[in-house]
Amino acid sequence: MGARDSIGSAEDPDNVRRKAASQVGTRWLNIAVSGAALVASVVSLWESTLKRPDLKVYVTDNIHFLRDPWGSYEVVAVPVTIQNSGARDDAVIALQLDVTTASGTTERFVSTYTADAQYFGSSDDVSSKKRRPKQPFAPLSVSGRGAYTGTVLFYTSEYKEQRFFEPKSKVEMTLRVVTPTPGGFLDRMLQTTPAAITLNAEVPNYQVGALLSGDTLRLKVKGAAGP
């Protein structure tokens, strides 16, 4: 009788296999859920903290040409937005604007000052030693997931008799961003260079004397305004 009860109480082999399979499936499900959570955490950490700076530059077609009477420099005023879609901060050491004329001559203009609305609402007066308000260009700090927006005044490195923005002419302008060289090997491997922007512009007719007295000339810009 006892032997029969013992045999009867033995668990069915099919039930044993089903339970074992269920336990294995549960373990794999737990592993998959934990793995997915780990991957999500790594992605979140990368996107929020570790992702390298990724700068993109945008300009509008509202670009102006003017003259600085304090040396008679040619000046190009460019409204710029620099967006950082990375998580880490980055710096912009300088901006370079290469201007090429229809004859193929190229001159580099460099970021020399920044200006605001007061600059365009006033004028220089050499006789009374009155200068337009502007700030010397300093390296820009662009925070992670942030942006810089401002108007940059581009000057030639030195005064030259030859004018690059002749009245009724066409020019090609290429804007480049200069960033610091990364220090670490991995950072250098992962570094991305902000894409250059090329714009074509027509220079309307103008009088040099009017520009020297404070007038600004809006260029007729054609081409992409961003990367």
Protein backbone atom coordinates (compact mmCIF):
# COMPACT_ATOMS: atom_id res chain seq x y z
CA MET A 1 0.00 0.00 0.00
CA GLY A 2 2.80 2.38 0.96
CA ALA A 3 4.68 1.58 -2.24
CA ARG A 4 1.63 2.35 -4.32
CA ASP A 5 1.10 5.69 -2.49
CA SER A 6 4.73 6.58 -3.11
CA ILE A 7 4.42 5.80 -6.78
CA GLY A 8 1.14 7.70 -7.06
CA SER A 9 2.54 10.77 -5.38
CA ALA A 10 5.51 11.01 -7.77
CA GLU A 11 5.21 14.13 -9.97
CA ASP A 12 4.35 13.67 -13.57
CA PRO A 13 7.48 14.01 -15.80
CA ASP A 14 5.64 16.33 -18.16
CA ASN A 15 4.84 18.69 -15.30
CA VAL A 16 8.48 18.63 -14.23
CA ARG A 17 9.62 19.58 -17.73
CA ARG A 18 7.04 22.36 -17.99
CA LYS A 19 8.09 23.83 -14.66
CA ALA A 20 11.76 23.62 -15.59
CA ALA A 21 11.08 25.29 -18.93
CA SER A 22 9.04 28.00 -17.19
CA GLN A 23 11.85 28.68 -14.74
CA VAL A 24 14.38 28.89 -17.56
CA GLY A 25 12.10 31.26 -19.47
CA THR A 26 11.64 33.43 -16.39
CA ARG A 27 15.39 33.61 -15.85
CA TRP A 28 15.99 34.63 -19.46
CA LEU A 29 13.22 37.21 -19.25
CA ASN A 30 14.80 38.68 -16.12
CA ILE A 31 18.19 38.74 -17.85
CA ALA A 32 16.68 40.46 -20.91
CA VAL A 33 14.92 43.06 -18.77
CA SER A 34 18.09 43.74 -16.78
CA GLY A 35 20.12 43.98 -20.00
CA ALA A 36 17.65 46.41 -21.54
CA ALA A 37 17.75 48.54 -18.39
CA LEU A 38 21.55 48.52 -18.47
CA VAL A 39 21.62 49.55 -22.14
CA ALA A 40 19.11 52.32 -21.44
CA SER A 41 21.26 53.56 -18.55
CA VAL A 42 24.40 53.55 -20.72
CA VAL A 43 22.61 55.42 -23.52
CA SER A 44 21.22 57.94 -21.04
CA LEU A 45 24.67 58.47 -19.51
CA TRP A 46 26.19 58.93 -22.97
CA GLU A 47 23.55 61.38 -24.14
CA SER A 48 23.44 63.39 -20.90
CA THR A 49 27.11 63.42 -19.84
CA LEU A 50 29.66 61.70 -22.09
CA LYS A 51 28.69 62.59 -25.67
CA ARG A 52 31.40 64.69 -27.28
CA PRO A 53 30.63 68.23 -28.42
CA ASP A 54 28.96 68.41 -31.82
CA LEU A 55 28.91 71.94 -33.17
CA LYS A 56 26.76 73.12 -36.06
CA VAL A 57 26.87 76.65 -37.42
CA TYR A 58 23.95 78.56 -38.88
CA VAL A 59 23.84 82.00 -40.49
CA THR A 60 21.06 84.05 -41.97
CA ASP A 61 21.07 85.87 -45.30
CA ASN A 62 21.04 89.17 -43.38
CA ILE A 63 24.76 89.83 -43.92
CA HIS A 64 26.07 93.39 -44.12
CA PHE A 65 29.19 95.02 -45.53
CA LEU A 66 30.61 98.21 -44.04
CA ARG A 67 33.82 100.13 -43.55
CA ASP A 68 35.65 100.93 -40.33
CA PRO A 69 36.99 104.47 -40.72
CA TRP A 70 39.55 103.85 -37.98
CA GLY A 71 41.96 102.37 -40.50
CA SER A 72 39.51 102.12 -43.41
CA TYR A 73 39.12 98.36 -42.96
CA GLU A 74 36.52 96.40 -44.91
CA VAL A 75 34.13 94.72 -42.47
CA VAL A 76 31.57 91.95 -42.89
CA ALA A 77 28.87 91.67 -40.21
CA VAL A 78 27.49 88.13 -39.96
CA PRO A 79 24.71 87.02 -37.56
CA VAL A 80 25.78 83.58 -36.34
CA THR A 81 24.23 80.80 -34.28
CA ILE A 82 26.48 77.97 -33.07
CA GLN A 83 24.56 75.01 -31.68
CA ASN A 84 26.12 72.23 -29.60
CA SER A 85 24.11 69.01 -29.78
CA GLY A 86 26.69 67.15 -27.67
CA ALA A 87 26.56 66.75 -23.90
CA ARG A 88 29.98 68.24 -23.18
CA ASP A 89 30.96 71.90 -23.42
CA ASP A 90 33.11 73.15 -26.28
CA ALA A 91 34.92 76.34 -27.21
CA VAL A 92 35.22 78.31 -30.42
CA ILE A 93 38.65 79.94 -30.65
CA ALA A 94 37.95 81.89 -33.82
CA LEU A 95 35.76 82.19 -36.88
CA GLN A 96 37.26 82.58 -40.36
CA LEU A 97 35.53 84.02 -43.40
CA ASP A 98 37.31 83.40 -46.72
CA VAL A 99 36.07 85.76 -49.42
CA THR A 100 36.75 84.93 -53.09
CA THR A 101 36.10 87.42 -55.87
CA ALA A 102 34.93 86.62 -59.40
CA SER A 103 38.55 86.91 -60.57
CA GLY A 104 39.63 84.17 -58.17
CA THR A 105 41.40 86.33 -55.59
CA THR A 106 40.84 85.18 -52.00
CA GLU A 107 41.20 87.14 -48.78
CA ARG A 108 40.67 85.85 -45.23
CA PHE A 109 38.58 87.89 -42.82
CA VAL A 110 38.80 86.95 -39.15
CA SER A 111 36.43 87.36 -36.22
CA THR A 112 37.63 90.59 -34.60
CA TYR A 113 34.64 92.07 -32.76
CA THR A 114 31.09 91.23 -31.72
CA ALA A 115 28.30 93.77 -31.91
CA ASP A 116 24.73 94.29 -30.78
CA ALA A 117 21.82 96.53 -31.78
CA GLN A 118 23.54 99.67 -30.47
CA TYR A 119 26.33 99.20 -33.00
CA PHE A 120 23.90 99.35 -35.92
CA GLY A 121 21.97 102.24 -34.39
CA SER A 122 25.01 104.53 -34.26
CA SER A 123 27.96 105.56 -36.40
CA ASP A 124 31.64 106.36 -36.08
CA ASP A 125 32.74 109.98 -36.09
CA VAL A 126 36.48 110.31 -36.52
CA SER A 127 36.48 114.09 -36.18
CA SER A 128 34.93 113.95 -32.69
CA LYS A 129 36.64 110.63 -31.80
CA LYS A 130 33.31 108.90 -31.36
CA ARG A 131 33.36 105.13 -31.88
CA ARG A 132 30.57 102.66 -32.36
CA PRO A 133 30.13 100.34 -29.35
CA LYS A 134 31.60 96.90 -30.03
CA GLN A 135 33.39 94.19 -28.08
CA PRO A 136 36.69 92.50 -28.98
CA PHE A 137 36.01 88.93 -30.05
CA ALA A 138 36.84 86.44 -27.29
CA PRO A 139 36.76 82.61 -27.48
CA LEU A 140 33.17 81.45 -27.19
CA SER A 141 32.09 78.83 -24.68
CA VAL A 142 29.20 76.76 -26.03
CA SER A 143 27.68 74.61 -23.29
CA GLY A 144 26.42 71.09 -23.88
CA ARG A 145 22.92 71.09 -25.39
CA GLY A 146 23.28 74.86 -25.65
CA ALA A 147 23.91 77.50 -28.29
CA TYR A 148 25.57 80.85 -28.89
CA THR A 149 23.87 83.55 -30.93
CA GLY A 150 25.42 86.89 -31.84
CA THR A 151 26.67 89.17 -34.61
CA VAL A 152 30.35 88.79 -35.46
CA LEU A 153 32.34 91.51 -37.23
CA PHE A 154 34.94 90.08 -39.61
CA TYR A 155 38.00 92.20 -40.46
CA THR A 156 40.95 91.63 -42.73
CA SER A 157 44.12 90.96 -40.76
CA GLU A 158 45.58 94.21 -42.08
CA TYR A 159 44.45 97.14 -44.15
CA LYS A 160 44.91 96.74 -47.91
CA GLU A 161 44.33 99.17 -50.74
CA GLN A 162 42.66 96.48 -52.85
CA ARG A 163 38.93 96.24 -52.17
CA PHE A 164 37.35 92.80 -52.15
CA PHE A 165 33.78 94.04 -52.08
CA GLU A 166 33.70 96.09 -55.25
CA PRO A 167 30.37 97.73 -56.16
CA LYS A 168 28.18 95.61 -58.44
CA SER A 169 30.36 92.51 -58.02
CA LYS A 170 29.89 88.90 -56.92
CA VAL A 171 31.76 87.14 -54.14
CA GLU A 172 31.83 83.69 -52.58
CA MET A 173 32.11 83.51 -48.79
CA THR A 174 33.13 80.40 -46.81
CA LEU A 175 32.67 80.44 -43.03
CA ARG A 176 34.76 78.10 -40.86
CA VAL A 177 34.89 77.47 -37.13
CA VAL A 178 38.19 76.95 -35.29
CA THR A 179 38.00 74.80 -32.14
CA PRO A 180 40.71 73.68 -29.68
CA THR A 181 42.67 70.52 -30.43
CA PRO A 182 41.54 67.73 -28.04
CA GLY A 183 44.16 66.61 -25.55
CA GLY A 184 43.42 62.90 -25.21
CA PHE A 185 43.93 60.24 -27.86
CA LEU A 186 40.32 59.04 -27.68
CA ASP A 187 39.02 62.60 -27.91
CA ARG A 188 41.16 63.21 -30.99
CA MET A 189 39.80 60.01 -32.56
CA LEU A 190 36.20 61.06 -31.89
CA GLN A 191 36.60 64.73 -32.76
CA THR A 192 34.28 66.09 -35.42
CA THR A 193 35.06 69.28 -37.29
CA PRO A 194 32.11 71.67 -37.72
CA ALA A 195 31.07 71.80 -41.36
CA ALA A 196 31.99 74.92 -43.31
CA ILE A 197 29.24 77.07 -44.81
CA THR A 198 29.59 78.52 -48.31
CA LEU A 199 27.48 81.44 -49.46
CA ASN A 200 27.34 83.37 -52.73
CA ALA A 201 26.56 87.06 -52.57
CA GLU A 202 26.01 90.01 -54.88
CA VAL A 203 27.39 93.37 -53.80
CA PRO A 204 25.04 96.24 -54.68
CA ASN A 205 26.30 99.60 -55.87
CA TYR A 206 27.57 101.90 -53.12
CA GLN A 207 29.62 104.99 -52.39
CA VAL A 208 32.71 104.51 -50.23
CA GLY A 209 32.15 107.87 -48.58
CA ALA A 210 28.70 106.80 -47.41
CA LEU A 211 30.12 103.67 -45.80
CA LEU A 212 32.89 105.62 -44.10
CA SER A 213 30.27 107.93 -42.63
CA GLY A 214 28.44 105.00 -41.02
CA ASP A 215 26.13 103.45 -43.62
CA THR A 216 25.88 99.67 -43.91
CA LEU A 217 25.24 97.71 -47.10
CA ARG A 218 23.16 94.55 -47.10
CA LEU A 219 24.56 91.86 -49.38
CA LYS A 220 22.25 89.84 -51.62
CA VAL A 221 23.08 86.38 -50.28
CA LYS A 222 22.31 83.10 -52.00
CA GLY A 223 23.11 79.58 -50.84
CA ALA A 224 22.73 77.31 -47.84
CA ALA A 225 22.53 79.03 -44.44
CA GLY A 226 23.48 75.96 -42.42
CA PRO A 227 25.20 72.56 -42.54
